[in-house]
Every structure is written in structure tokens, then in C-alpha cells.
Amino acid sequence: MESAILSLLGGGLGIALASGALQGIRTLGSTNVPFIREATIDGSALAFTCGLSLLTALVVSLAPALRWE
């Protein structure tokens, strides 16, 4: 459970940082770049991040249990 909470918090922090960075890029971006103002974080990026966070939690949780000694 601890690894699930940590990985999901990490994924949420990554999404928050990406959103802030995207806002900065849109503000400071060149007007020569087409569609820079319409750039967003879409649902597939969010789903990928959540899925990767859950996969990370699973691998980190199971790694000690599967360790051979």
C-alpha cells in the first residue's frame, strides 16, 4: 500500500509539473511555432501516467516477494 501511495503521488506531482511547464511554454513560446497556444495535456497522457504509476507500484511491491535467496 505504501508503494502505491508513493507512486501515485509521484505521478500526480509529475502531472502538476508538466501542467506548469506547459503553461510556461505557452506563455514564453515563440509566436512562430504553429499551434503553441493550443497545446494541452490530453487524456491519453493522463491515462499513460496513471497506468505507469500503478505498474511501478506493482513492480516495487512484488520485487521483494519474488527475490530468491
PDB file of N, CA and C in Angstrom:
ATOM      1  N   MET A   1       0.814  -1.192   0.000  1.00  0.00           N
ATOM      2  CA  MET A   1       0.000   0.000   0.000  1.00  0.00           C
ATOM      3  C   MET A   1       0.863   1.263   0.000  1.00  0.00           C
ATOM      4  N   GLU A   2       1.952   1.205   0.740  1.00  0.00           N
ATOM      5  CA  GLU A   2       2.842   2.363   0.804  1.00  0.00           C
ATOM      6  C   GLU A   2       3.417   2.698  -0.568  1.00  0.00           C
ATOM      7  N   SER A   3       3.825   1.684  -1.298  1.00  0.00           N
ATOM      8  CA  SER A   3       4.402   1.943  -2.623  1.00  0.00           C
ATOM      9  C   SER A   3       3.348   2.464  -3.591  1.00  0.00           C
ATOM     10  N   ALA A   4       2.110   2.011  -3.451  1.00  0.00           N
ATOM     11  CA  ALA A   4       1.039   2.523  -4.317  1.00  0.00           C
ATOM     12  C   ALA A   4       0.803   4.004  -4.049  1.00  0.00           C
ATOM     13  N   ILE A   5       0.767   4.378  -2.782  1.00  0.00           N
ATOM     14  CA  ILE A   5       0.553   5.783  -2.438  1.00  0.00           C
ATOM     15  C   ILE A   5       1.704   6.639  -2.954  1.00  0.00           C
ATOM     16  N   LEU A   6       2.931   6.166  -2.735  1.00  0.00           N
ATOM     17  CA  LEU A   6       4.093   6.942  -3.181  1.00  0.00           C
ATOM     18  C   LEU A   6       4.149   7.072  -4.694  1.00  0.00           C
ATOM     19  N   SER A   7       3.861   5.994  -5.409  1.00  0.00           N
ATOM     20  CA  SER A   7       3.938   6.070  -6.871  1.00  0.00           C
ATOM     21  C   SER A   7       2.823   6.938  -7.441  1.00  0.00           C
ATOM     22  N   LEU A   8       1.624   6.867  -6.856  1.00  0.00           N
ATOM     23  CA  LEU A   8       0.541   7.717  -7.343  1.00  0.00           C
ATOM     24  C   LEU A   8       0.781   9.187  -7.001  1.00  0.00           C
ATOM     25  N   LEU A   9       1.366   9.445  -5.847  1.00  0.00           N
ATOM     26  CA  LEU A   9       1.741  10.829  -5.522  1.00  0.00           C
ATOM     27  C   LEU A   9       2.815  11.338  -6.479  1.00  0.00           C
ATOM     28  N   GLY A  10       3.762  10.483  -6.818  1.00  0.00           N
ATOM     29  CA  GLY A  10       4.790  10.858  -7.788  1.00  0.00           C
ATOM     30  C   GLY A  10       4.202  11.131  -9.159  1.00  0.00           C
ATOM     31  N   GLY A  11       3.257  10.298  -9.579  1.00  0.00           N
ATOM     32  CA  GLY A  11       2.593  10.536 -10.859  1.00  0.00           C
ATOM     33  C   GLY A  11       1.796  11.828 -10.853  1.00  0.00           C
ATOM     34  N   GLY A  12       1.109  12.097  -9.738  1.00  0.00           N
ATOM     35  CA  GLY A  12       0.360  13.347  -9.623  1.00  0.00           C
ATOM     36  C   GLY A  12       1.263  14.565  -9.638  1.00  0.00           C
ATOM     37  N   LEU A  13       2.395  14.451  -8.968  1.00  0.00           N
ATOM     38  CA  LEU A  13       3.362  15.551  -8.976  1.00  0.00           C
ATOM     39  C   LEU A  13       3.929  15.767 -10.383  1.00  0.00           C
ATOM     40  N   GLY A  14       4.167  14.677 -11.093  1.00  0.00           N
ATOM     41  CA  GLY A  14       4.651  14.788 -12.472  1.00  0.00           C
ATOM     42  C   GLY A  14       3.637  15.473 -13.380  1.00  0.00           C
ATOM     43  N   ILE A  15       2.370  15.149 -13.192  1.00  0.00           N
ATOM     44  CA  ILE A  15       1.314  15.791 -13.989  1.00  0.00           C
ATOM     45  C   ILE A  15       1.232  17.279 -13.656  1.00  0.00           C
ATOM     46  N   ALA A  16       1.333  17.602 -12.374  1.00  0.00           N
ATOM     47  CA  ALA A  16       1.286  19.009 -11.962  1.00  0.00           C
ATOM     48  C   ALA A  16       2.468  19.789 -12.532  1.00  0.00           C
ATOM     49  N   LEU A  17       3.656  19.198 -12.484  1.00  0.00           N
ATOM     50  CA  LEU A  17       4.834  19.865 -13.043  1.00  0.00           C
ATOM     51  C   LEU A  17       4.713  20.018 -14.556  1.00  0.00           C
ATOM     52  N   ALA A  18       4.182  19.000 -15.222  1.00  0.00           N
ATOM     53  CA  ALA A  18       4.008  19.092 -16.673  1.00  0.00           C
ATOM     54  C   ALA A  18       3.004  20.176 -17.032  1.00  0.00           C
ATOM     55  N   SER A  19       1.957  20.294 -16.243  1.00  0.00           N
ATOM     56  CA  SER A  19       0.962  21.333 -16.497  1.00  0.00           C
ATOM     57  C   SER A  19       1.567  22.726 -16.322  1.00  0.00           C
ATOM     58  N   GLY A  20       2.350  22.895 -15.260  1.00  0.00           N
ATOM     59  CA  GLY A  20       3.008  24.182 -15.049  1.00  0.00           C
ATOM     60  C   GLY A  20       4.021  24.499 -16.132  1.00  0.00           C
ATOM     61  N   ALA A  21       4.779  23.497 -16.536  1.00  0.00           N
ATOM     62  CA  ALA A  21       5.769  23.712 -17.600  1.00  0.00           C
ATOM     63  C   ALA A  21       5.084  24.052 -18.920  1.00  0.00           C
ATOM     64  N   LEU A  22       3.974  23.395 -19.197  1.00  0.00           N
ATOM     65  CA  LEU A  22       3.243  23.676 -20.426  1.00  0.00           C
ATOM     66  C   LEU A  22       2.696  25.092 -20.419  1.00  0.00           C
ATOM     67  N   GLN A  23       2.219  25.526 -19.268  1.00  0.00           N
ATOM     68  CA  GLN A  23       1.740  26.904 -19.142  1.00  0.00           C
ATOM     69  C   GLN A  23       2.872  27.898 -19.422  1.00  0.00           C
ATOM     70  N   GLY A  24       4.058  27.624 -18.869  1.00  0.00           N
ATOM     71  CA  GLY A  24       5.210  28.485 -19.115  1.00  0.00           C
ATOM     72  C   GLY A  24       5.642  28.480 -20.563  1.00  0.00           C
ATOM     73  N   ILE A  25       5.623  27.321 -21.184  1.00  0.00           N
ATOM     74  CA  ILE A  25       5.998  27.216 -22.595  1.00  0.00           C
ATOM     75  C   ILE A  25       5.023  27.997 -23.464  1.00  0.00           C
ATOM     76  N   ARG A  26       3.729  27.883 -23.150  1.00  0.00           N
ATOM     77  CA  ARG A  26       2.737  28.636 -23.927  1.00  0.00           C
ATOM     78  C   ARG A  26       2.921  30.134 -23.752  1.00  0.00           C
ATOM     79  N   THR A  27       3.265  30.559 -22.538  1.00  0.00           N
ATOM     80  CA  THR A  27       3.440  31.991 -22.272  1.00  0.00           C
ATOM     81  C   THR A  27       4.701  32.535 -22.923  1.00  0.00           C
ATOM     82  N   LEU A  28       5.790  31.803 -22.778  1.00  0.00           N
ATOM     83  CA  LEU A  28       7.080  32.284 -23.270  1.00  0.00           C
ATOM     84  C   LEU A  28       7.406  31.814 -24.681  1.00  0.00           C
ATOM     85  N   GLY A  29       6.607  30.940 -25.234  1.00  0.00           N
ATOM     86  CA  GLY A  29       6.892  30.353 -26.535  1.00  0.00           C
ATOM     87  C   GLY A  29       6.859  31.353 -27.668  1.00  0.00           C
ATOM     88  N   SER A  30       7.576  31.012 -28.672  1.00  0.00           N
ATOM     89  CA  SER A  30       7.654  31.853 -29.857  1.00  0.00           C
ATOM     90  C   SER A  30       6.323  31.844 -30.601  1.00  0.00           C
ATOM     91  N   THR A  31       5.997  32.953 -31.179  1.00  0.00           N
ATOM     92  CA  THR A  31       4.771  33.015 -31.982  1.00  0.00           C
ATOM     93  C   THR A  31       4.961  32.343 -33.338  1.00  0.00           C
ATOM     94  N   ASN A  32       6.195  31.973 -33.667  1.00  0.00           N
ATOM     95  CA  ASN A  32       6.465  31.301 -34.935  1.00  0.00           C
ATOM     96  C   ASN A  32       6.123  29.817 -34.896  1.00  0.00           C
ATOM     97  N   VAL A  33       5.953  29.261 -33.691  1.00  0.00           N
ATOM     98  CA  VAL A  33       5.626  27.839 -33.577  1.00  0.00           C
ATOM     99  C   VAL A  33       4.119  27.681 -33.766  1.00  0.00           C
ATOM    100  N   PRO A  34       3.720  26.909 -34.785  1.00  0.00           N
ATOM    101  CA  PRO A  34       2.289  26.770 -35.040  1.00  0.00           C
ATOM    102  C   PRO A  34       1.585  26.028 -33.894  1.00  0.00           C
ATOM    103  N   PHE A  35       0.424  26.480 -33.527  1.00  0.00           N
ATOM    104  CA  PHE A  35      -0.467  25.854 -32.548  1.00  0.00           C
ATOM    105  C   PHE A  35       0.132  25.749 -31.144  1.00  0.00           C
ATOM    106  N   ILE A  36       1.116  26.579 -30.806  1.00  0.00           N
ATOM    107  CA  ILE A  36       1.717  26.517 -29.465  1.00  0.00           C
ATOM    108  C   ILE A  36       0.694  26.894 -28.399  1.00  0.00           C
ATOM    109  N   ARG A  37      -0.208  27.790 -28.716  1.00  0.00           N
ATOM    110  CA  ARG A  37      -1.205  28.244 -27.738  1.00  0.00           C
ATOM    111  C   ARG A  37      -2.274  27.183 -27.483  1.00  0.00           C
ATOM    112  N   GLU A  38      -2.453  26.231 -28.383  1.00  0.00           N
ATOM    113  CA  GLU A  38      -3.475  25.195 -28.230  1.00  0.00           C
ATOM    114  C   GLU A  38      -2.931  23.908 -27.608  1.00  0.00           C
ATOM    115  N   ALA A  39      -1.662  23.887 -27.244  1.00  0.00           N
ATOM    116  CA  ALA A  39      -1.058  22.679 -26.670  1.00  0.00           C
ATOM    117  C   ALA A  39      -1.684  22.385 -25.306  1.00  0.00           C
ATOM    118  N   THR A  40      -2.044  21.124 -25.077  1.00  0.00           N
ATOM    119  CA  THR A  40      -2.648  20.711 -23.810  1.00  0.00           C
ATOM    120  C   THR A  40      -2.122  19.338 -23.408  1.00  0.00           C
ATOM    121  N   ILE A  41      -2.411  18.963 -22.188  1.00  0.00           N
ATOM    122  CA  ILE A  41      -2.153  17.603 -21.714  1.00  0.00           C
ATOM    123  C   ILE A  41      -3.467  16.852 -21.899  1.00  0.00           C
ATOM    124  N   ASP A  42      -3.482  15.889 -22.814  1.00  0.00           N
ATOM    125  CA  ASP A  42      -4.737  15.216 -23.133  1.00  0.00           C
ATOM    126  C   ASP A  42      -4.969  13.989 -22.248  1.00  0.00           C
ATOM    127  N   GLY A  43      -6.092  13.371 -22.447  1.00  0.00           N
ATOM    128  CA  GLY A  43      -6.491  12.221 -21.651  1.00  0.00           C
ATOM    129  C   GLY A  43      -5.576  11.022 -21.808  1.00  0.00           C
ATOM    130  N   SER A  44      -5.008  10.828 -22.993  1.00  0.00           N
ATOM    131  CA  SER A  44      -4.115   9.684 -23.182  1.00  0.00           C
ATOM    132  C   SER A  44      -2.821   9.859 -22.393  1.00  0.00           C
ATOM    133  N   ALA A  45      -2.347  11.081 -22.272  1.00  0.00           N
ATOM    134  CA  ALA A  45      -1.152  11.333 -21.457  1.00  0.00           C
ATOM    135  C   ALA A  45      -1.450  11.092 -19.982  1.00  0.00           C
ATOM    136  N   LEU A  46      -2.624  11.511 -19.530  1.00  0.00           N
ATOM    137  CA  LEU A  46      -3.015  11.274 -18.144  1.00  0.00           C
ATOM    138  C   LEU A  46      -3.196   9.779 -17.865  1.00  0.00           C
ATOM    139  N   ALA A  47      -3.826   9.063 -18.798  1.00  0.00           N
ATOM    140  CA  ALA A  47      -4.026   7.624 -18.626  1.00  0.00           C
ATOM    141  C   ALA A  47      -2.686   6.892 -18.608  1.00  0.00           C
ATOM    142  N   PHE A  48      -1.764   7.286 -19.479  1.00  0.00           N
ATOM    143  CA  PHE A  48      -0.446   6.669 -19.505  1.00  0.00           C
ATOM    144  C   PHE A  48       0.285   6.896 -18.185  1.00  0.00           C
ATOM    145  N   THR A  49       0.217   8.112 -17.661  1.00  0.00           N
ATOM    146  CA  THR A  49       0.887   8.430 -16.398  1.00  0.00           C
ATOM    147  C   THR A  49       0.292   7.636 -15.241  1.00  0.00           C
ATOM    148  N   CYS A  50      -1.022   7.545 -15.183  1.00  0.00           N
ATOM    149  CA  CYS A  50      -1.670   6.765 -14.118  1.00  0.00           C
ATOM    150  C   CYS A  50      -1.334   5.284 -14.242  1.00  0.00           C
ATOM    151  N   GLY A  51      -1.360   4.766 -15.454  1.00  0.00           N
ATOM    152  CA  GLY A  51      -1.017   3.362 -15.667  1.00  0.00           C
ATOM    153  C   GLY A  51       0.424   3.056 -15.304  1.00  0.00           C
ATOM    154  N   LEU A  52       1.320   3.941 -15.673  1.00  0.00           N
ATOM    155  CA  LEU A  52       2.726   3.748 -15.346  1.00  0.00           C
ATOM    156  C   LEU A  52       2.959   3.841 -13.839  1.00  0.00           C
ATOM    157  N   SER A  53       2.231   4.712 -13.171  1.00  0.00           N
ATOM    158  CA  SER A  53       2.341   4.811 -11.713  1.00  0.00           C
ATOM    159  C   SER A  53       1.862   3.527 -11.043  1.00  0.00           C
ATOM    160  N   LEU A  54       0.760   2.987 -11.511  1.00  0.00           N
ATOM    161  CA  LEU A  54       0.257   1.733 -10.937  1.00  0.00           C
ATOM    162  C   LEU A  54       1.185   0.559 -11.236  1.00  0.00           C
ATOM    163  N   LEU A  55       1.740   0.522 -12.438  1.00  0.00           N
ATOM    164  CA  LEU A  55       2.702  -0.531 -12.776  1.00  0.00           C
ATOM    165  C   LEU A  55       3.953  -0.431 -11.913  1.00  0.00           C
ATOM    166  N   THR A  56       4.410   0.773 -11.679  1.00  0.00           N
ATOM    167  CA  THR A  56       5.561   0.985 -10.806  1.00  0.00           C
ATOM    168  C   THR A  56       5.269   0.494  -9.392  1.00  0.00           C
ATOM    169  N   ALA A  57       4.092   0.793  -8.881  1.00  0.00           N
ATOM    170  CA  ALA A  57       3.706   0.337  -7.543  1.00  0.00           C
ATOM    171  C   ALA A  57       3.684  -1.192  -7.489  1.00  0.00           C
ATOM    172  N   LEU A  58       3.175  -1.821  -8.525  1.00  0.00           N
ATOM    173  CA  LEU A  58       3.112  -3.282  -8.561  1.00  0.00           C
ATOM    174  C   LEU A  58       4.501  -3.904  -8.585  1.00  0.00           C
ATOM    175  N   VAL A  59       5.362  -3.388  -9.425  1.00  0.00           N
ATOM    176  CA  VAL A  59       6.720  -3.939  -9.540  1.00  0.00           C
ATOM    177  C   VAL A  59       7.503  -3.727  -8.255  1.00  0.00           C
ATOM    178  N   VAL A  60       7.402  -2.542  -7.676  1.00  0.00           N
ATOM    179  CA  VAL A  60       8.143  -2.251  -6.452  1.00  0.00           C
ATOM    180  C   VAL A  60       7.619  -3.089  -5.287  1.00  0.00           C
ATOM    181  N   SER A  61       6.320  -3.337  -5.264  1.00  0.00           N
ATOM    182  CA  SER A  61       5.743  -4.139  -4.186  1.00  0.00           C
ATOM    183  C   SER A  61       6.081  -5.613  -4.316  1.00  0.00           C
ATOM    184  N   LEU A  62       6.109  -6.103  -5.537  1.00  0.00           N
ATOM    185  CA  LEU A  62       6.349  -7.537  -5.735  1.00  0.00           C
ATOM    186  C   LEU A  62       7.829  -7.911  -5.782  1.00  0.00           C
ATOM    187  N   ALA A  63       8.690  -6.967  -6.034  1.00  0.00           N
ATOM    188  CA  ALA A  63      10.109  -7.267  -6.154  1.00  0.00           C
ATOM    189  C   ALA A  63      10.674  -7.936  -4.897  1.00  0.00           C
ATOM    190  N   PRO A  64      10.396  -7.456  -3.697  1.00  0.00           N
ATOM    191  CA  PRO A  64      10.921  -8.141  -2.510  1.00  0.00           C
ATOM    192  C   PRO A  64      10.317  -9.539  -2.310  1.00  0.00           C
ATOM    193  N   ALA A  65       9.055  -9.718  -2.705  1.00  0.00           N
ATOM    194  CA  ALA A  65       8.417 -11.012  -2.524  1.00  0.00           C
ATOM    195  C   ALA A  65       8.980 -12.063  -3.477  1.00  0.00           C
ATOM    196  N   LEU A  66       9.411 -11.648  -4.647  1.00  0.00           N
ATOM    197  CA  LEU A  66       9.921 -12.581  -5.646  1.00  0.00           C
ATOM    198  C   LEU A  66      11.428 -12.797  -5.572  1.00  0.00           C
ATOM    199  N   ARG A  67      12.047 -12.161  -4.635  1.00  0.00           N
ATOM    200  CA  ARG A  67      13.501 -12.255  -4.507  1.00  0.00           C
ATOM    201  C   ARG A  67      13.917 -13.662  -4.055  1.00  0.00           C
ATOM    202  N   TRP A  68      14.863 -14.246  -4.755  1.00  0.00           N
ATOM    203  CA  TRP A  68      15.335 -15.599  -4.443  1.00  0.00           C
ATOM    204  C   TRP A  68      16.540 -15.515  -3.530  1.00  0.00           C
ATOM    205  N   GLU A  69      16.499 -16.296  -2.499  1.00  0.00           N
ATOM    206  CA  GLU A  69      17.666 -16.355  -1.600  1.00  0.00           C
ATOM    207  C   GLU A  69      18.056 -17.780  -1.348  1.00  0.00           C
TER     208      GLU A  69
END
